[in-house]
Amino acid sequence: MALSSTIPTLTSTQPNSEKRLGDIPTHVLKRLTSKSRACVERLRTCQLDRPDLSRQPTSKLAAVLVLLYEQAGELRVLLTTRSKSLRAHPGQTALPGGKADEGDESLVWTALREANEEVGLPLPPTSSNIHFITTLPPFLSASQLLVTPVVSSSHPILTSLTPSLTEVDRIFDHPLEAMLDPRLLLNKGESLVDVGEDWPYSAGDVYNPSDVRLDAFDGLIYRMHRFRTCASPIKGLTADILITVAELAYGRKPVYERYPSGPSSGSSPEDTNSEGETYQALVRRRMEENERAFAVAVKEGGQT
């Protein structure tokens, strides 16, 4: 791609795709329960440090759609199980989304385009019932992509979607609040996958964490969260994104420790947030590295 072709920053101007998607109308908010409405309002008004991505090469950018809707009085999030025929992350749970294309006008559009390709989500202006809420700062994937979550809302839409035959094995949803307290699944009688390939843990468990040192994250000790669902488990980057969305929406922390603590991580139980800060520092470092490499390439007149 041409070096001048990068995705515009979402913090400086409102892209056409975001305008077409539209804010949530008042009459739609009024149809939500007071609890769900408060969650949406917290997400809409949250003050986040969104970095300028305009100097990042397009090849390093991606976006995912966090589509929320209310069903039976609770917010649920749309998810997919990736096809087992895919080379990357086969059979794993994912949010609709993927890498940015040079022709994408924004990362909001990247998320919408990918959702259209993967699950048949209508694109603007056809998607009049899909409304923009916010974007989150980027997360770093193990493949070194900067992944921007695009949070949006819709009416219950699950039954109207069709999985891509080559990319998606299943479309399902999950209660957003259960990302903060997985035990809610048991209290609500949520349908859960049986013990087996998709949940190789105890039958009574709905959450399973483990800590691992990741070379891709410069040796950072990473807590892998696994959440039991009605299909494939939510884990890894998808879990990290949804935990953050749930924290912002419900205004509270999870019932479990989100980040590692103890001798293996270099942090103490009294300061478990230090690992989160270390991760954010890693994201900033990758962005700086990308910007330096991009500037060198531009100066040399190469291609990326």
C-alpha atoms as a PDB file:
ATOM      1  CA  MET A   1       0.000   0.000   0.000  1.00  0.00           C
ATOM      2  CA  ALA A   2       1.074   3.585  -0.414  1.00  0.00           C
ATOM      3  CA  LEU A   3       2.789   4.995   2.619  1.00  0.00           C
ATOM      4  CA  SER A   4       0.393   7.920   2.766  1.00  0.00           C
ATOM      5  CA  SER A   5      -2.610   5.591   3.088  1.00  0.00           C
ATOM      6  CA  THR A   6      -3.248   5.147   6.778  1.00  0.00           C
ATOM      7  CA  ILE A   7      -6.509   4.904   8.701  1.00  0.00           C
ATOM      8  CA  PRO A   8      -7.561   8.358   9.986  1.00  0.00           C
ATOM      9  CA  THR A   9      -7.603   8.897  13.712  1.00  0.00           C
ATOM     10  CA  LEU A  10     -11.027   8.527  15.299  1.00  0.00           C
ATOM     11  CA  THR A  11     -10.294  11.166  17.919  1.00  0.00           C
ATOM     12  CA  SER A  12      -9.768  14.191  15.705  1.00  0.00           C
ATOM     13  CA  THR A  13     -12.746  14.036  13.345  1.00  0.00           C
ATOM     14  CA  GLN A  14     -15.980  12.104  13.090  1.00  0.00           C
ATOM     15  CA  PRO A  15     -15.666   9.733  10.101  1.00  0.00           C
ATOM     16  CA  ASN A  16     -18.543   9.286   7.652  1.00  0.00           C
ATOM     17  CA  SER A  17     -19.115   5.696   8.799  1.00  0.00           C
ATOM     18  CA  GLU A  18     -19.624   6.857  12.385  1.00  0.00           C
ATOM     19  CA  LYS A  19     -22.022   9.574  11.206  1.00  0.00           C
ATOM     20  CA  ARG A  20     -23.990   7.083   9.117  1.00  0.00           C
ATOM     21  CA  LEU A  21     -24.164   4.642  12.007  1.00  0.00           C
ATOM     22  CA  GLY A  22     -25.615   7.377  14.172  1.00  0.00           C
ATOM     23  CA  ASP A  23     -25.992   7.950  17.886  1.00  0.00           C
ATOM     24  CA  ILE A  24     -28.638   6.091  19.905  1.00  0.00           C
ATOM     25  CA  PRO A  25     -32.009   7.874  19.601  1.00  0.00           C
ATOM     26  CA  THR A  26     -33.752   8.873  22.813  1.00  0.00           C
ATOM     27  CA  HIS A  27     -36.737   6.642  22.084  1.00  0.00           C
ATOM     28  CA  VAL A  28     -34.434   3.618  21.761  1.00  0.00           C
ATOM     29  CA  LEU A  29     -32.764   4.387  25.109  1.00  0.00           C
ATOM     30  CA  LYS A  30     -36.155   4.707  26.762  1.00  0.00           C
ATOM     31  CA  ARG A  31     -37.045   1.158  25.745  1.00  0.00           C
ATOM     32  CA  LEU A  32     -34.116  -0.224  27.748  1.00  0.00           C
ATOM     33  CA  THR A  33     -34.337  -1.168  31.407  1.00  0.00           C
ATOM     34  CA  SER A  34     -32.896   1.435  33.767  1.00  0.00           C
ATOM     35  CA  LYS A  35     -29.900  -0.821  34.409  1.00  0.00           C
ATOM     36  CA  SER A  36     -29.088  -1.287  30.720  1.00  0.00           C
ATOM     37  CA  ARG A  37     -29.688   2.386  29.998  1.00  0.00           C
ATOM     38  CA  ALA A  38     -27.228   3.347  32.744  1.00  0.00           C
ATOM     39  CA  CYS A  39     -24.643   0.993  31.219  1.00  0.00           C
ATOM     40  CA  VAL A  40     -25.002   2.570  27.790  1.00  0.00           C
ATOM     41  CA  GLU A  41     -24.768   6.066  29.252  1.00  0.00           C
ATOM     42  CA  ARG A  42     -21.564   5.170  31.124  1.00  0.00           C
ATOM     43  CA  LEU A  43     -20.047   3.855  27.899  1.00  0.00           C
ATOM     44  CA  ARG A  44     -21.142   6.913  25.922  1.00  0.00           C
ATOM     45  CA  THR A  45     -19.676   9.366  28.426  1.00  0.00           C
ATOM     46  CA  CYS A  46     -16.554   7.522  29.608  1.00  0.00           C
ATOM     47  CA  GLN A  47     -13.388   9.615  29.444  1.00  0.00           C
ATOM     48  CA  LEU A  48     -10.701   7.521  27.762  1.00  0.00           C
ATOM     49  CA  ASP A  49      -7.207   8.322  26.511  1.00  0.00           C
ATOM     50  CA  ARG A  50      -7.603   7.367  22.857  1.00  0.00           C
ATOM     51  CA  PRO A  51      -4.249   7.671  21.067  1.00  0.00           C
ATOM     52  CA  ASP A  52      -3.806   9.129  17.614  1.00  0.00           C
ATOM     53  CA  LEU A  53      -3.448   6.189  15.211  1.00  0.00           C
ATOM     54  CA  SER A  54      -2.942   8.299  12.096  1.00  0.00           C
ATOM     55  CA  ARG A  55       0.810   7.635  12.061  1.00  0.00           C
ATOM     56  CA  GLN A  56       0.391   3.866  12.328  1.00  0.00           C
ATOM     57  CA  PRO A  57       0.782   1.757   9.170  1.00  0.00           C
ATOM     58  CA  THR A  58      -2.560   0.324   8.050  1.00  0.00           C
ATOM     59  CA  SER A  59      -1.011  -3.155   8.147  1.00  0.00           C
ATOM     60  CA  LYS A  60      -0.693  -2.833  11.943  1.00  0.00           C
ATOM     61  CA  LEU A  61      -4.330  -1.826  12.546  1.00  0.00           C
ATOM     62  CA  ALA A  62      -7.472  -3.866  13.148  1.00  0.00           C
ATOM     63  CA  ALA A  63     -10.910  -3.330  14.650  1.00  0.00           C
ATOM     64  CA  VAL A  64     -13.621  -5.467  16.222  1.00  0.00           C
ATOM     65  CA  LEU A  65     -17.324  -4.771  16.714  1.00  0.00           C
ATOM     66  CA  VAL A  66     -18.670  -5.064  20.254  1.00  0.00           C
ATOM     67  CA  LEU A  67     -22.376  -5.217  19.437  1.00  0.00           C
ATOM     68  CA  LEU A  68     -24.598  -4.971  22.507  1.00  0.00           C
ATOM     69  CA  TYR A  69     -28.340  -5.509  22.717  1.00  0.00           C
ATOM     70  CA  GLU A  70     -30.850  -6.025  25.490  1.00  0.00           C
ATOM     71  CA  GLN A  71     -32.680  -9.299  25.827  1.00  0.00           C
ATOM     72  CA  ALA A  72     -34.786 -10.366  28.802  1.00  0.00           C
ATOM     73  CA  GLY A  73     -33.714  -7.217  30.609  1.00  0.00           C
ATOM     74  CA  GLU A  74     -29.945  -7.730  30.303  1.00  0.00           C
ATOM     75  CA  LEU A  75     -27.227  -6.626  27.907  1.00  0.00           C
ATOM     76  CA  ARG A  76     -25.772  -9.358  25.741  1.00  0.00           C
ATOM     77  CA  VAL A  77     -22.838  -9.224  23.326  1.00  0.00           C
ATOM     78  CA  LEU A  78     -22.627 -10.780  19.857  1.00  0.00           C
ATOM     79  CA  LEU A  79     -19.873 -13.380  19.394  1.00  0.00           C
ATOM     80  CA  THR A  80     -18.702 -15.909  16.838  1.00  0.00           C
ATOM     81  CA  THR A  81     -16.841 -19.196  16.828  1.00  0.00           C
ATOM     82  CA  ARG A  82     -14.187 -19.015  14.145  1.00  0.00           C
ATOM     83  CA  SER A  83     -14.158 -21.731  11.507  1.00  0.00           C
ATOM     84  CA  LYS A  84     -11.869 -24.648  12.277  1.00  0.00           C
ATOM     85  CA  SER A  85     -10.574 -24.417   8.715  1.00  0.00           C
ATOM     86  CA  LEU A  86      -8.955 -21.014   9.337  1.00  0.00           C
ATOM     87  CA  ARG A  87      -5.185 -20.848   9.804  1.00  0.00           C
ATOM     88  CA  ALA A  88      -5.353 -18.225  12.564  1.00  0.00           C
ATOM     89  CA  HIS A  89      -7.159 -19.073  15.807  1.00  0.00           C
ATOM     90  CA  PRO A  90      -9.358 -21.860  14.381  1.00  0.00           C
ATOM     91  CA  GLY A  91     -12.365 -22.789  16.521  1.00  0.00           C
ATOM     92  CA  GLN A  92     -11.863 -19.887  18.921  1.00  0.00           C
ATOM     93  CA  THR A  93     -14.386 -17.317  20.084  1.00  0.00           C
ATOM     94  CA  ALA A  94     -14.080 -13.901  18.480  1.00  0.00           C
ATOM     95  CA  LEU A  95     -15.810 -10.586  18.141  1.00  0.00           C
ATOM     96  CA  PRO A  96     -16.699  -9.788  14.516  1.00  0.00           C
ATOM     97  CA  GLY A  97     -13.781  -7.867  13.059  1.00  0.00           C
ATOM     98  CA  GLY A  98     -10.391  -8.057  11.444  1.00  0.00           C
ATOM     99  CA  LYS A  99      -7.512  -6.191   9.848  1.00  0.00           C
ATOM    100  CA  ALA A 100      -7.948  -2.768   8.332  1.00  0.00           C
ATOM    101  CA  ASP A 101      -7.960  -2.433   4.570  1.00  0.00           C
ATOM    102  CA  GLU A 102      -6.407   0.498   2.767  1.00  0.00           C
ATOM    103  CA  GLY A 103      -9.823   1.478   1.410  1.00  0.00           C
ATOM    104  CA  ASP A 104     -11.441   1.687   4.866  1.00  0.00           C
ATOM    105  CA  GLU A 105     -12.398   5.256   5.722  1.00  0.00           C
ATOM    106  CA  SER A 106     -12.020   4.613   9.459  1.00  0.00           C
ATOM    107  CA  LEU A 107     -11.634   1.847  12.009  1.00  0.00           C
ATOM    108  CA  VAL A 108     -15.367   2.101  12.675  1.00  0.00           C
ATOM    109  CA  TRP A 109     -15.873   1.133   9.060  1.00  0.00           C
ATOM    110  CA  THR A 110     -13.318  -1.680   9.380  1.00  0.00           C
ATOM    111  CA  ALA A 111     -15.364  -3.234  12.187  1.00  0.00           C
ATOM    112  CA  LEU A 112     -18.641  -2.829  10.283  1.00  0.00           C
ATOM    113  CA  ARG A 113     -17.223  -4.194   7.037  1.00  0.00           C
ATOM    114  CA  GLU A 114     -15.773  -7.244   8.736  1.00  0.00           C
ATOM    115  CA  ALA A 115     -19.028  -7.867  10.626  1.00  0.00           C
ATOM    116  CA  ASN A 116     -20.899  -7.708   7.327  1.00  0.00           C
ATOM    117  CA  GLU A 117     -18.515 -10.236   5.784  1.00  0.00           C
ATOM    118  CA  GLU A 118     -18.512 -12.600   8.764  1.00  0.00           C
ATOM    119  CA  VAL A 119     -22.121 -12.601   9.979  1.00  0.00           C
ATOM    120  CA  GLY A 120     -24.090 -10.624   7.400  1.00  0.00           C
ATOM    121  CA  LEU A 121     -24.609  -7.561   9.602  1.00  0.00           C
ATOM    122  CA  PRO A 122     -26.196  -4.861   7.402  1.00  0.00           C
ATOM    123  CA  LEU A 123     -23.932  -1.947   6.513  1.00  0.00           C
ATOM    124  CA  PRO A 124     -24.993   1.696   6.801  1.00  0.00           C
ATOM    125  CA  PRO A 125     -27.376   3.111   5.712  1.00  0.00           C
ATOM    126  CA  THR A 126     -29.267  -0.205   5.744  1.00  0.00           C
ATOM    127  CA  SER A 127     -28.297  -0.743   9.400  1.00  0.00           C
ATOM    128  CA  SER A 128     -30.643   1.926  10.777  1.00  0.00           C
ATOM    129  CA  ASN A 129     -31.151  -0.079  13.979  1.00  0.00           C
ATOM    130  CA  ILE A 130     -27.424  -0.241  14.767  1.00  0.00           C
ATOM    131  CA  HIS A 131     -26.107   2.730  16.732  1.00  0.00           C
ATOM    132  CA  PHE A 132     -22.625   3.929  17.614  1.00  0.00           C
ATOM    133  CA  ILE A 133     -21.714   4.140  21.328  1.00  0.00           C
ATOM    134  CA  THR A 134     -17.941   4.624  21.596  1.00  0.00           C
ATOM    135  CA  THR A 135     -14.506   3.360  20.653  1.00  0.00           C
ATOM    136  CA  LEU A 136     -11.928   2.115  23.137  1.00  0.00           C
ATOM    137  CA  PRO A 137      -8.154   2.623  23.055  1.00  0.00           C
ATOM    138  CA  PRO A 138      -6.416  -0.125  21.077  1.00  0.00           C
ATOM    139  CA  PHE A 139      -5.461  -3.510  22.494  1.00  0.00           C
ATOM    140  CA  LEU A 140      -2.332  -5.341  21.375  1.00  0.00           C
ATOM    141  CA  SER A 141      -2.790  -8.792  19.879  1.00  0.00           C
ATOM    142  CA  ALA A 142      -0.199 -11.563  20.044  1.00  0.00           C
ATOM    143  CA  SER A 143       0.412 -10.937  16.323  1.00  0.00           C
ATOM    144  CA  GLN A 144       1.284  -7.302  17.172  1.00  0.00           C
ATOM    145  CA  LEU A 145      -1.872  -5.747  15.703  1.00  0.00           C
ATOM    146  CA  LEU A 146      -3.372  -2.690  17.382  1.00  0.00           C
ATOM    147  CA  VAL A 147      -7.016  -3.713  17.737  1.00  0.00           C
ATOM    148  CA  THR A 148      -9.613  -0.966  18.288  1.00  0.00           C
ATOM    149  CA  PRO A 149     -12.938  -2.084  19.814  1.00  0.00           C
ATOM    150  CA  VAL A 150     -15.951  -0.301  18.312  1.00  0.00           C
ATOM    151  CA  VAL A 151     -18.843  -0.475  20.781  1.00  0.00           C
ATOM    152  CA  SER A 152     -22.327  -0.234  19.302  1.00  0.00           C
ATOM    153  CA  SER A 153     -25.902  -1.194  20.120  1.00  0.00           C
ATOM    154  CA  SER A 154     -28.750  -2.875  18.299  1.00  0.00           C
ATOM    155  CA  HIS A 155     -32.113  -4.516  18.791  1.00  0.00           C
ATOM    156  CA  PRO A 156     -31.882  -8.312  19.398  1.00  0.00           C
ATOM    157  CA  ILE A 157     -30.394  -9.394  16.091  1.00  0.00           C
ATOM    158  CA  LEU A 158     -28.975 -12.883  16.576  1.00  0.00           C
ATOM    159  CA  THR A 159     -31.601 -14.816  14.586  1.00  0.00           C
ATOM    160  CA  SER A 160     -31.321 -12.492  11.571  1.00  0.00           C
ATOM    161  CA  LEU A 161     -27.592 -13.083  11.008  1.00  0.00           C
ATOM    162  CA  THR A 162     -25.955 -15.675   8.763  1.00  0.00           C
ATOM    163  CA  PRO A 163     -22.420 -17.015   9.376  1.00  0.00           C
ATOM    164  CA  SER A 164     -19.875 -16.869   6.580  1.00  0.00           C
ATOM    165  CA  LEU A 165     -19.312 -20.431   5.376  1.00  0.00           C
ATOM    166  CA  THR A 166     -15.543 -19.934   5.199  1.00  0.00           C
ATOM    167  CA  GLU A 167     -14.961 -17.869   8.357  1.00  0.00           C
ATOM    168  CA  VAL A 168     -17.559 -18.622  11.038  1.00  0.00           C
ATOM    169  CA  ASP A 169     -18.824 -21.919  12.463  1.00  0.00           C
ATOM    170  CA  ARG A 170     -21.354 -20.414  14.856  1.00  0.00           C
ATOM    171  CA  ILE A 171     -22.928 -17.128  15.943  1.00  0.00           C
ATOM    172  CA  PHE A 172     -23.982 -16.795  19.585  1.00  0.00           C
ATOM    173  CA  ASP A 173     -24.239 -14.267  22.385  1.00  0.00           C
ATOM    174  CA  HIS A 174     -23.291 -13.958  26.046  1.00  0.00           C
ATOM    175  CA  PRO A 175     -24.393 -11.809  29.007  1.00  0.00           C
ATOM    176  CA  LEU A 176     -22.027  -8.844  29.284  1.00  0.00           C
ATOM    177  CA  GLU A 177     -22.303  -8.663  33.088  1.00  0.00           C
ATOM    178  CA  ALA A 178     -21.100 -12.270  33.365  1.00  0.00           C
ATOM    179  CA  MET A 179     -17.697 -11.015  32.216  1.00  0.00           C
ATOM    180  CA  LEU A 180     -17.409  -9.413  35.666  1.00  0.00           C
ATOM    181  CA  ASP A 181     -19.034 -12.240  37.628  1.00  0.00           C
ATOM    182  CA  PRO A 182     -19.146 -15.565  35.764  1.00  0.00           C
ATOM    183  CA  ARG A 183     -21.261 -17.102  38.553  1.00  0.00           C
ATOM    184  CA  LEU A 184     -24.208 -15.134  37.200  1.00  0.00           C
ATOM    185  CA  LEU A 185     -24.437 -17.771  34.467  1.00  0.00           C
ATOM    186  CA  LEU A 186     -25.397 -20.341  37.085  1.00  0.00           C
ATOM    187  CA  ASN A 187     -27.819 -18.036  38.865  1.00  0.00           C
ATOM    188  CA  LYS A 188     -29.632 -17.231  35.618  1.00  0.00           C
ATOM    189  CA  GLY A 189     -29.724 -20.806  34.347  1.00  0.00           C
ATOM    190  CA  GLU A 190     -27.780 -19.870  31.222  1.00  0.00           C
ATOM    191  CA  SER A 191     -27.254 -22.657  28.699  1.00  0.00           C
ATOM    192  CA  LEU A 192     -23.635 -23.868  28.934  1.00  0.00           C
ATOM    193  CA  VAL A 193     -21.536 -26.143  26.763  1.00  0.00           C
ATOM    194  CA  ASP A 194     -20.861 -29.594  28.208  1.00  0.00           C
ATOM    195  CA  VAL A 195     -17.426 -30.639  29.435  1.00  0.00           C
ATOM    196  CA  GLY A 196     -15.370 -31.685  26.443  1.00  0.00           C
ATOM    197  CA  GLU A 197     -13.363 -30.081  23.656  1.00  0.00           C
ATOM    198  CA  ASP A 198     -14.811 -26.606  24.233  1.00  0.00           C
ATOM    199  CA  TRP A 199     -14.625 -26.781  28.038  1.00  0.00           C
ATOM    200  CA  PRO A 200     -11.941 -29.245  29.228  1.00  0.00           C
ATOM    201  CA  TYR A 201     -12.315 -28.168  32.856  1.00  0.00           C
ATOM    202  CA  SER A 202     -14.522 -29.122  35.782  1.00  0.00           C
ATOM    203  CA  ALA A 203     -18.239 -29.454  35.080  1.00  0.00           C
ATOM    204  CA  GLY A 204     -19.001 -27.051  37.920  1.00  0.00           C
ATOM    205  CA  ASP A 205     -16.622 -24.331  36.694  1.00  0.00           C
ATOM    206  CA  VAL A 206     -17.655 -21.364  34.585  1.00  0.00           C
ATOM    207  CA  TYR A 207     -14.310 -19.535  34.758  1.00  0.00           C
ATOM    208  CA  ASN A 208     -10.722 -20.725  34.464  1.00  0.00           C
ATOM    209  CA  PRO A 209      -7.617 -18.475  34.621  1.00  0.00           C
ATOM    210  CA  SER A 210      -3.936 -19.229  34.155  1.00  0.00           C
ATOM    211  CA  ASP A 211      -0.781 -17.115  33.958  1.00  0.00           C
ATOM    212  CA  VAL A 212       1.795 -17.437  31.201  1.00  0.00           C
ATOM    213  CA  ARG A 213       4.866 -15.463  30.166  1.00  0.00           C
ATOM    214  CA  LEU A 214       4.431 -14.248  26.584  1.00  0.00           C
ATOM    215  CA  ASP A 215       7.425 -13.531  24.355  1.00  0.00           C
ATOM    216  CA  ALA A 216       5.095 -11.558  22.068  1.00  0.00           C
ATOM    217  CA  PHE A 217       4.477  -9.197  24.977  1.00  0.00           C
ATOM    218  CA  ASP A 218       8.190  -8.767  25.755  1.00  0.00           C
ATOM    219  CA  GLY A 219       8.084 -11.416  28.474  1.00  0.00           C
ATOM    220  CA  LEU A 220       5.102  -9.904  30.300  1.00  0.00           C
ATOM    221  CA  ILE A 221       3.225 -12.315  32.550  1.00  0.00           C
ATOM    222  CA  TYR A 222      -0.215 -12.527  30.966  1.00  0.00           C
ATOM    223  CA  ARG A 223      -3.368 -13.729  32.693  1.00  0.00           C
ATOM    224  CA  MET A 224      -5.423 -15.877  30.350  1.00  0.00           C
ATOM    225  CA  HIS A 225      -9.080 -15.597  31.333  1.00  0.00           C
ATOM    226  CA  ARG A 226     -11.428 -18.333  30.091  1.00  0.00           C
ATOM    227  CA  PHE A 227     -15.194 -17.956  30.365  1.00  0.00           C
ATOM    228  CA  ARG A 228     -17.601 -20.798  29.763  1.00  0.00           C
ATOM    229  CA  THR A 229     -20.382 -20.071  27.261  1.00  0.00           C
ATOM    230  CA  CYS A 230     -23.044 -21.938  25.326  1.00  0.00           C
ATOM    231  CA  ALA A 231     -20.395 -22.519  22.623  1.00  0.00           C
ATOM    232  CA  SER A 232     -16.611 -22.005  22.492  1.00  0.00           C
ATOM    233  CA  PRO A 233     -15.042 -20.287  25.538  1.00  0.00           C
ATOM    234  CA  ILE A 234     -14.338 -16.568  25.616  1.00  0.00           C
ATOM    235  CA  LYS A 235     -10.610 -16.136  26.224  1.00  0.00           C
ATOM    236  CA  GLY A 236      -7.494 -14.181  25.300  1.00  0.00           C
ATOM    237  CA  LEU A 237      -7.878 -10.846  23.542  1.00  0.00           C
ATOM    238  CA  THR A 238     -11.656 -11.224  23.194  1.00  0.00           C
ATOM    239  CA  ALA A 239     -11.958 -11.727  26.949  1.00  0.00           C
ATOM    240  CA  ASP A 240      -9.675  -8.760  27.671  1.00  0.00           C
ATOM    241  CA  ILE A 241     -11.790  -6.461  25.496  1.00  0.00           C
ATOM    242  CA  LEU A 242     -15.097  -7.610  26.966  1.00  0.00           C
ATOM    243  CA  ILE A 243     -13.843  -7.336  30.550  1.00  0.00           C
ATOM    244  CA  THR A 244     -12.916  -3.716  29.839  1.00  0.00           C
ATOM    245  CA  VAL A 245     -16.274  -2.990  28.190  1.00  0.00           C
ATOM    246  CA  ALA A 246     -18.103  -4.570  31.131  1.00  0.00           C
ATOM    247  CA  GLU A 247     -16.037  -2.616  33.683  1.00  0.00           C
ATOM    248  CA  LEU A 248     -16.887   0.647  31.947  1.00  0.00           C
ATOM    249  CA  ALA A 249     -20.545  -0.244  31.443  1.00  0.00           C
ATOM    250  CA  TYR A 250     -21.294  -1.450  34.970  1.00  0.00           C
ATOM    251  CA  GLY A 251     -18.872   0.852  36.762  1.00  0.00           C
ATOM    252  CA  ARG A 252     -17.191  -1.841  38.840  1.00  0.00           C
ATOM    253  CA  LYS A 253     -14.312  -4.328  38.853  1.00  0.00           C
ATOM    254  CA  PRO A 254     -14.569  -8.108  38.333  1.00  0.00           C
ATOM    255  CA  VAL A 255     -15.060 -10.458  41.280  1.00  0.00           C
ATOM    256  CA  TYR A 256     -11.797 -12.189  40.261  1.00  0.00           C
ATOM    257  CA  GLU A 257      -8.288 -10.717  40.058  1.00  0.00           C
ATOM    258  CA  ARG A 258      -7.898  -9.394  36.552  1.00  0.00           C
ATOM    259  CA  TYR A 259      -4.103  -9.193  36.521  1.00  0.00           C
ATOM    260  CA  PRO A 260      -1.405 -11.541  37.860  1.00  0.00           C
ATOM    261  CA  SER A 261       0.165 -10.928  41.237  1.00  0.00           C
ATOM    262  CA  GLY A 262       2.895 -12.580  43.254  1.00  0.00           C
ATOM    263  CA  PRO A 263       6.568 -13.417  42.679  1.00  0.00           C
ATOM    264  CA  SER A 264       6.113 -14.745  39.145  1.00  0.00           C
ATOM    265  CA  SER A 265       4.712 -11.464  37.852  1.00  0.00           C
ATOM    266  CA  GLY A 266       6.892  -9.099  39.814  1.00  0.00           C
ATOM    267  CA  SER A 267       3.889  -7.407  41.411  1.00  0.00           C
ATOM    268  CA  SER A 268       2.356  -7.731  44.840  1.00  0.00           C
ATOM    269  CA  PRO A 269      -1.214  -8.701  45.768  1.00  0.00           C
ATOM    270  CA  GLU A 270      -1.680  -5.120  46.961  1.00  0.00           C
ATOM    271  CA  ASP A 271      -0.846  -3.751  43.507  1.00  0.00           C
ATOM    272  CA  THR A 272      -2.389  -6.092  40.949  1.00  0.00           C
ATOM    273  CA  ASN A 273      -3.193  -3.141  38.668  1.00  0.00           C
ATOM    274  CA  SER A 274       0.524  -2.705  38.006  1.00  0.00           C
ATOM    275  CA  GLU A 275       0.352  -5.458  35.398  1.00  0.00           C
ATOM    276  CA  GLY A 276      -2.418  -3.570  33.634  1.00  0.00           C
ATOM    277  CA  GLU A 277      -0.246  -0.478  33.613  1.00  0.00           C
ATOM    278  CA  THR A 278       2.658  -2.534  32.262  1.00  0.00           C
ATOM    279  CA  TYR A 279       0.425  -3.787  29.443  1.00  0.00           C
ATOM    280  CA  GLN A 280      -0.611  -0.244  28.561  1.00  0.00           C
ATOM    281  CA  ALA A 281       3.057   0.758  28.512  1.00  0.00           C
ATOM    282  CA  LEU A 282       3.684  -2.141  26.106  1.00  0.00           C
ATOM    283  CA  VAL A 283       0.931  -0.902  23.788  1.00  0.00           C
ATOM    284  CA  ARG A 284       2.426   2.590  23.790  1.00  0.00           C
ATOM    285  CA  ARG A 285       5.881   1.153  23.090  1.00  0.00           C
ATOM    286  CA  ARG A 286       4.591  -0.795  20.073  1.00  0.00           C
ATOM    287  CA  MET A 287       2.915   2.324  18.745  1.00  0.00           C
ATOM    288  CA  GLU A 288       6.137   4.292  19.082  1.00  0.00           C
ATOM    289  CA  GLU A 289       8.078   1.521  17.325  1.00  0.00           C
ATOM    290  CA  ASN A 290       5.531   1.473  14.494  1.00  0.00           C
ATOM    291  CA  GLU A 291       5.707   5.251  14.120  1.00  0.00           C
ATOM    292  CA  ARG A 292       9.508   5.238  13.964  1.00  0.00           C
ATOM    293  CA  ALA A 293       9.549   2.450  11.370  1.00  0.00           C
ATOM    294  CA  PHE A 294       6.833   4.189   9.370  1.00  0.00           C
ATOM    295  CA  ALA A 295       8.716   7.500   9.398  1.00  0.00           C
ATOM    296  CA  VAL A 296      11.895   5.788   8.191  1.00  0.00           C
ATOM    297  CA  ALA A 297       9.976   4.058   5.390  1.00  0.00           C
ATOM    298  CA  VAL A 298       8.368   7.312   4.306  1.00  0.00           C
ATOM    299  CA  LYS A 299      11.755   9.049   4.291  1.00  0.00           C
ATOM    300  CA  GLU A 300      13.257   6.290   2.195  1.00  0.00           C
ATOM    301  CA  GLY A 301      10.273   6.343  -0.169  1.00  0.00           C
ATOM    302  CA  GLY A 302       9.469   2.666   0.316  1.00  0.00           C
ATOM    303  CA  GLN A 303       6.193   0.798   0.545  1.00  0.00           C
ATOM    304  CA  THR A 304       4.463  -0.865   3.545  1.00  0.00           C
END
